[in-house]
Amino acid sequence: MLPIRSFVSGAAVAGVIAAAVAFFPDSSTATAAESAAAELAAQQSLPADAENALARLESSPRHGEWAMIIDGADTVKAWVVYPERADKAPVVVVVHEIFGLTHWVRGVADQLAADGFIAVAPDLMTTKNLPTGPNGPDQPSATAAIRTLDPVVVQRQIMLAANYGMKLPAALPKYGVVGFCWGGSAVFNHAVSSPTLGASVVYYGSSPATPTLASVKAPVLGLYAGNDARVNTTIAPADSALKAAGKSFEAVLYEGAGHGFLRAQGGAEGANLKASQQAWPRTIAFFKAKLGA
């Protein structure tokens, strides 16, 4: 069973520490209580895993809303989440896995908003009218439908979501993309196709064909599971091609972690959680550095 992580506010964490210290005046016990509370607070700075995503969404203090983005032949439903900040924020487009726009992907968007970005998570299978399941779209239906998508249309719709986000009154005219599994491949390809992209973060997604990589303009950060040879065999050719073209590409492998580690944080005997605890702060730091958040 995956570890349960429900939303806990900073005030609640502080209360836990105070109560523990008051009840256990011994300094060593108090220190242990503080450490436990600090660990709980650190977990809240990550996106929830798939099992706990809906509970975190339902308790989020941030404003999230559905938007229907229509432009010519394209109709894209998107989940949009706003950060709690006084100034304008850059936009990050969140591209879903093969399972579609699940509660987990919406939870990732919510965490990006907690970290200071306007997050736009488009449903790239909006027109497929997928049946629903317990986590959002029915997974077998989504997995079958995603293989029918036209890659050219996918890239156009990612750009549509980015433009929608950047035109919001609270947004800066800067955007990045992050994607997972199938979505990781899609955002790596977006770095190939978009001249205005600010930054791309690829979570365990296969790299594009090397001849296309000379078109990349934005810096790319790739975050990979150590136990994921299918994807990882595409890293070295991409790295060589990008470096030969003078492009910015950083690839990080997390030893012992499995494919999909951010959504399955309880897996791989702790390696998935360890990878998530390292990969997510790296993601946020990368976006802040490249998008000027």
Protein backbone atom coordinates (compact mmCIF):
# COMPACT_ATOMS: atom_id res chain seq x y z
CA MET A 1 0.00 0.00 0.00
CA LEU A 2 1.27 3.49 -0.83
CA PRO A 3 1.92 5.86 2.08
CA ILE A 4 -1.01 8.16 2.83
CA ARG A 5 -0.33 11.85 2.39
CA SER A 6 -3.23 14.20 3.10
CA PHE A 7 -2.85 17.97 2.84
CA VAL A 8 -1.42 19.61 5.95
CA SER A 9 -1.01 23.38 6.14
CA GLY A 10 2.06 25.11 7.52
CA ALA A 11 0.06 26.17 10.55
CA ALA A 12 -0.99 22.61 11.20
CA VAL A 13 2.60 21.41 11.00
CA ALA A 14 3.65 24.11 13.46
CA GLY A 15 0.86 22.96 15.75
CA VAL A 16 2.08 19.39 15.60
CA ILE A 17 5.57 20.49 16.60
CA ALA A 18 4.33 22.67 19.47
CA ALA A 19 2.06 19.96 20.84
CA ALA A 20 4.76 17.33 20.63
CA VAL A 21 7.32 19.51 22.38
CA ALA A 22 4.83 20.42 25.13
CA PHE A 23 3.83 16.82 25.70
CA PHE A 24 7.40 15.51 25.55
CA PRO A 25 9.60 18.06 27.31
CA ASP A 26 12.64 15.80 26.96
CA SER A 27 14.82 17.48 24.30
CA SER A 28 15.63 14.28 22.39
CA THR A 29 11.95 13.39 22.09
CA ALA A 30 11.10 16.95 21.07
CA THR A 31 13.81 16.85 18.41
CA ALA A 32 12.37 13.60 17.06
CA ALA A 33 8.90 15.20 16.90
CA GLU A 34 10.31 18.22 15.08
CA SER A 35 12.06 15.94 12.59
CA ALA A 36 8.87 13.99 11.95
CA ALA A 37 6.90 17.18 11.43
CA ALA A 38 9.60 18.57 9.14
CA GLU A 39 9.49 15.38 7.07
CA LEU A 40 5.71 15.71 6.77
CA ALA A 41 6.09 19.32 5.66
CA ALA A 42 8.69 18.25 3.05
CA GLN A 43 6.26 15.69 1.65
CA GLN A 44 3.69 18.45 1.17
CA SER A 45 6.16 20.27 -1.13
CA LEU A 46 5.89 17.40 -3.62
CA PRO A 47 2.94 16.61 -5.85
CA ALA A 48 0.79 13.94 -4.23
CA ASP A 49 1.12 10.42 -5.57
CA ALA A 50 -1.70 8.94 -7.64
CA GLU A 51 -3.46 7.42 -4.64
CA ASN A 52 -3.71 10.70 -2.76
CA ALA A 53 -4.01 13.25 -5.56
CA LEU A 54 -7.77 13.79 -5.35
CA ALA A 55 -7.69 14.37 -1.58
CA ARG A 56 -4.94 16.95 -2.01
CA LEU A 57 -6.87 18.67 -4.78
CA GLU A 58 -10.02 18.86 -2.70
CA SER A 59 -8.14 20.50 0.18
CA SER A 60 -6.04 22.88 -1.92
CA PRO A 61 -6.34 26.57 -1.00
CA ARG A 62 -5.46 27.62 -4.57
CA HIS A 63 -7.94 28.65 -7.24
CA GLY A 64 -8.36 26.05 -9.95
CA GLU A 65 -10.79 26.22 -12.84
CA TRP A 66 -11.73 24.45 -16.05
CA ALA A 67 -11.25 26.28 -19.35
CA MET A 68 -12.37 25.33 -22.84
CA ILE A 69 -9.83 26.61 -25.36
CA ILE A 70 -11.07 26.79 -28.93
CA ASP A 71 -9.05 27.90 -31.94
CA GLY A 72 -10.09 26.86 -35.43
CA ALA A 73 -10.18 23.08 -35.61
CA ASP A 74 -8.77 22.68 -32.09
CA THR A 75 -10.89 22.29 -28.97
CA VAL A 76 -8.97 21.62 -25.78
CA LYS A 77 -10.32 21.39 -22.26
CA ALA A 78 -7.74 22.41 -19.64
CA TRP A 79 -7.34 22.56 -15.88
CA VAL A 80 -5.85 25.91 -14.86
CA VAL A 81 -4.45 26.65 -11.39
CA TYR A 82 -3.28 30.02 -10.10
CA PRO A 83 -0.54 30.70 -7.55
CA GLU A 84 -1.11 32.84 -4.49
CA ARG A 85 1.19 35.76 -5.26
CA ALA A 86 0.87 39.53 -5.66
CA ASP A 87 2.75 39.84 -8.95
CA LYS A 88 2.40 38.20 -12.37
CA ALA A 89 3.62 34.65 -12.85
CA PRO A 90 5.12 32.66 -15.71
CA VAL A 91 3.13 29.79 -17.18
CA VAL A 92 3.94 26.08 -17.11
CA VAL A 93 2.00 23.72 -19.38
CA VAL A 94 1.61 20.23 -17.84
CA VAL A 95 1.37 17.43 -20.41
CA HIS A 96 -0.28 14.25 -19.20
CA GLU A 97 0.79 10.62 -19.45
CA ILE A 98 -0.82 7.93 -21.59
CA PHE A 99 -3.59 7.79 -18.97
CA GLY A 100 -4.89 11.23 -19.94
CA LEU A 101 -5.75 14.18 -17.72
CA THR A 102 -6.07 12.29 -14.45
CA HIS A 103 -6.55 13.64 -10.93
CA TRP A 104 -2.82 13.05 -10.49
CA VAL A 105 -1.89 15.34 -13.40
CA ARG A 106 -4.24 18.01 -12.06
CA GLY A 107 -2.49 17.57 -8.71
CA VAL A 108 0.87 18.21 -10.38
CA ALA A 109 -0.58 21.43 -11.78
CA ASP A 110 -1.78 22.41 -8.31
CA GLN A 111 1.70 21.85 -6.87
CA LEU A 112 3.25 23.96 -9.63
CA ALA A 113 0.86 26.74 -8.60
CA ALA A 114 1.94 26.25 -4.99
CA ASP A 115 5.48 26.78 -6.23
CA GLY A 116 4.58 30.08 -7.91
CA PHE A 117 3.53 29.31 -11.49
CA ILE A 118 0.27 29.52 -13.41
CA ALA A 119 -0.22 25.89 -14.43
CA VAL A 120 -2.25 24.87 -17.47
CA ALA A 121 -2.91 21.14 -17.89
CA PRO A 122 -4.55 20.49 -21.28
CA ASP A 123 -6.57 17.38 -22.00
CA LEU A 124 -5.08 16.42 -25.35
CA MET A 125 -7.83 13.83 -25.80
CA THR A 126 -10.70 16.27 -25.28
CA THR A 127 -12.49 15.26 -28.48
CA LYS A 128 -12.16 11.52 -27.78
CA ASN A 129 -15.02 11.63 -25.24
CA LEU A 130 -13.40 9.04 -23.00
CA PRO A 131 -15.46 7.27 -20.34
CA THR A 132 -14.51 8.15 -16.78
CA GLY A 133 -12.83 5.97 -14.18
CA PRO A 134 -11.92 6.41 -10.51
CA ASN A 135 -8.86 8.54 -11.32
CA GLY A 136 -10.34 10.60 -14.16
CA PRO A 137 -10.40 9.10 -17.66
CA ASP A 138 -10.87 5.34 -17.95
CA GLN A 139 -7.27 4.14 -18.24
CA PRO A 140 -7.63 1.38 -20.87
CA SER A 141 -9.67 3.73 -23.05
CA ALA A 142 -7.16 6.54 -22.63
CA THR A 143 -4.19 4.27 -23.38
CA ALA A 144 -5.84 3.11 -26.62
CA ALA A 145 -7.00 6.57 -27.67
CA ILE A 146 -3.68 8.33 -27.13
CA ARG A 147 -2.05 6.16 -29.78
CA THR A 148 -4.42 7.64 -32.35
CA LEU A 149 -3.36 11.25 -31.79
CA ASP A 150 -1.62 13.13 -34.58
CA PRO A 151 1.77 14.39 -33.26
CA VAL A 152 1.42 17.60 -35.26
CA VAL A 153 -1.95 18.32 -33.65
CA VAL A 154 -0.53 17.49 -30.21
CA GLN A 155 2.19 20.12 -30.62
CA ARG A 156 -0.30 22.67 -31.90
CA GLN A 157 -2.54 22.09 -28.89
CA ILE A 158 0.33 22.35 -26.40
CA MET A 159 1.11 25.74 -27.97
CA LEU A 160 -2.57 26.65 -27.78
CA ALA A 161 -2.57 25.92 -24.04
CA ALA A 162 0.61 27.97 -23.58
CA ASN A 163 -0.82 30.95 -25.46
CA TYR A 164 -4.04 30.75 -23.45
CA GLY A 165 -2.04 30.81 -20.22
CA MET A 166 0.23 33.67 -21.27
CA LYS A 167 -2.79 35.83 -22.23
CA LEU A 168 -4.30 35.57 -18.75
CA PRO A 169 -4.20 38.94 -16.92
CA ALA A 170 -2.14 37.45 -14.09
CA ALA A 171 0.47 35.89 -16.40
CA LEU A 172 3.87 36.87 -17.70
CA PRO A 173 4.54 36.27 -21.42
CA LYS A 174 6.87 33.35 -20.61
CA TYR A 175 6.17 29.65 -20.59
CA GLY A 176 7.73 26.30 -19.89
CA VAL A 177 6.50 22.74 -20.33
CA VAL A 178 6.70 19.62 -18.21
CA GLY A 179 5.51 16.17 -19.23
CA PHE A 180 5.47 12.64 -17.94
CA CYS A 181 6.02 9.35 -19.83
CA TRP A 182 4.16 9.92 -23.14
CA GLY A 183 3.91 13.56 -22.12
CA GLY A 184 7.65 13.63 -21.44
CA SER A 185 8.28 12.66 -25.04
CA ALA A 186 5.74 15.25 -26.17
CA VAL A 187 7.44 18.11 -24.30
CA PHE A 188 10.87 17.06 -25.60
CA ASN A 189 9.38 17.27 -29.09
CA HIS A 190 7.88 20.63 -28.14
CA ALA A 191 11.40 21.88 -27.51
CA VAL A 192 12.14 20.88 -31.10
CA SER A 193 9.08 22.61 -32.56
CA SER A 194 8.67 25.82 -30.54
CA PRO A 195 10.98 28.84 -31.01
CA THR A 196 9.37 30.71 -28.07
CA LEU A 197 9.58 28.01 -25.38
CA GLY A 198 11.46 29.06 -22.26
CA ALA A 199 12.25 25.68 -20.68
CA SER A 200 11.30 22.01 -21.00
CA VAL A 201 11.35 19.38 -18.24
CA VAL A 202 11.10 15.78 -19.43
CA TYR A 203 10.10 13.15 -16.87
CA TYR A 204 11.03 9.66 -18.15
CA GLY A 205 10.06 10.37 -21.74
CA SER A 206 11.87 9.06 -24.82
CA SER A 207 14.04 11.52 -26.75
CA PRO A 208 13.20 12.71 -30.29
CA ALA A 209 15.05 11.51 -33.36
CA THR A 210 18.53 13.04 -33.29
CA PRO A 211 18.37 14.85 -36.68
CA THR A 212 15.54 17.04 -35.33
CA LEU A 213 17.41 18.19 -32.23
CA ALA A 214 19.35 20.96 -33.96
CA SER A 215 16.09 22.94 -33.89
CA VAL A 216 15.96 23.01 -30.07
CA LYS A 217 16.29 26.51 -28.64
CA ALA A 218 15.09 26.15 -25.05
CA PRO A 219 17.12 24.43 -22.32
CA VAL A 220 15.96 20.87 -21.59
CA LEU A 221 16.14 19.05 -18.26
CA GLY A 222 15.59 15.28 -18.38
CA LEU A 223 14.72 13.37 -15.20
CA TYR A 224 14.90 9.60 -15.59
CA ALA A 225 14.38 6.43 -13.57
CA GLY A 226 17.44 4.24 -13.23
CA ASN A 227 15.42 1.09 -13.94
CA ASP A 228 13.93 2.22 -17.25
CA ALA A 229 16.16 0.97 -20.06
CA ARG A 230 13.46 1.37 -22.72
CA VAL A 231 13.54 5.14 -22.27
CA ASN A 232 17.11 5.52 -21.11
CA THR A 233 18.65 4.07 -24.29
CA THR A 234 17.47 7.25 -26.03
CA ILE A 235 19.33 9.61 -23.67
CA ALA A 236 22.92 9.25 -24.91
CA PRO A 237 22.13 9.86 -28.61
CA ALA A 238 20.12 12.95 -27.69
CA ASP A 239 22.86 14.19 -25.39
CA SER A 240 25.50 13.82 -28.10
CA ALA A 241 23.37 15.51 -30.74
CA LEU A 242 22.38 18.42 -28.50
CA LYS A 243 25.89 19.03 -27.25
CA ALA A 244 27.24 18.90 -30.81
CA ALA A 245 24.69 21.55 -31.74
CA GLY A 246 25.60 23.71 -28.74
CA LYS A 247 22.26 23.18 -27.00
CA SER A 248 21.56 22.98 -23.26
CA PHE A 249 20.57 19.50 -22.08
CA GLU A 250 20.97 18.06 -18.58
CA ALA A 251 20.03 14.44 -17.93
CA VAL A 252 19.70 13.06 -14.39
CA LEU A 253 19.18 9.36 -13.58
CA TYR A 254 17.79 8.29 -10.21
CA GLU A 255 19.25 4.94 -9.25
CA GLY A 256 16.78 2.24 -8.29
CA ALA A 257 13.71 4.24 -9.29
CA GLY A 258 11.15 2.89 -11.72
CA HIS A 259 9.32 4.48 -14.65
CA GLY A 260 6.61 6.81 -13.39
CA PHE A 261 8.28 7.38 -10.03
CA LEU A 262 6.60 10.73 -9.35
CA ARG A 263 3.10 9.25 -9.56
CA ALA A 264 4.10 6.02 -7.77
CA GLN A 265 6.15 7.42 -4.90
CA GLY A 266 5.55 4.39 -2.68
CA GLY A 267 7.18 1.98 -5.16
CA ALA A 268 10.64 0.51 -5.72
CA GLU A 269 11.34 0.02 -1.98
CA GLY A 270 11.72 3.72 -1.30
CA ALA A 271 13.72 4.58 -4.42
CA ASN A 272 10.73 6.23 -6.12
CA LEU A 273 10.11 8.55 -3.18
CA LYS A 274 13.82 9.41 -2.95
CA ALA A 275 13.86 10.19 -6.67
CA SER A 276 10.76 12.38 -6.31
CA GLN A 277 12.26 14.28 -3.38
CA GLN A 278 15.27 15.14 -5.52
CA ALA A 279 13.62 15.58 -8.92
CA TRP A 280 10.80 17.94 -7.96
CA PRO A 281 12.95 20.64 -6.28
CA ARG A 282 15.28 20.42 -9.29
CA THR A 283 12.28 20.96 -11.56
CA ILE A 284 11.14 24.05 -9.68
CA ALA A 285 14.64 25.53 -9.50
CA PHE A 286 15.08 24.96 -13.23
CA PHE A 287 11.83 26.69 -14.12
CA LYS A 288 12.54 29.60 -11.80
CA ALA A 289 16.00 30.09 -13.29
CA LYS A 290 14.87 29.85 -16.91
CA LEU A 291 11.49 31.61 -16.69
CA GLY A 292 12.47 34.30 -14.20
CA ALA A 293 9.81 33.42 -11.63
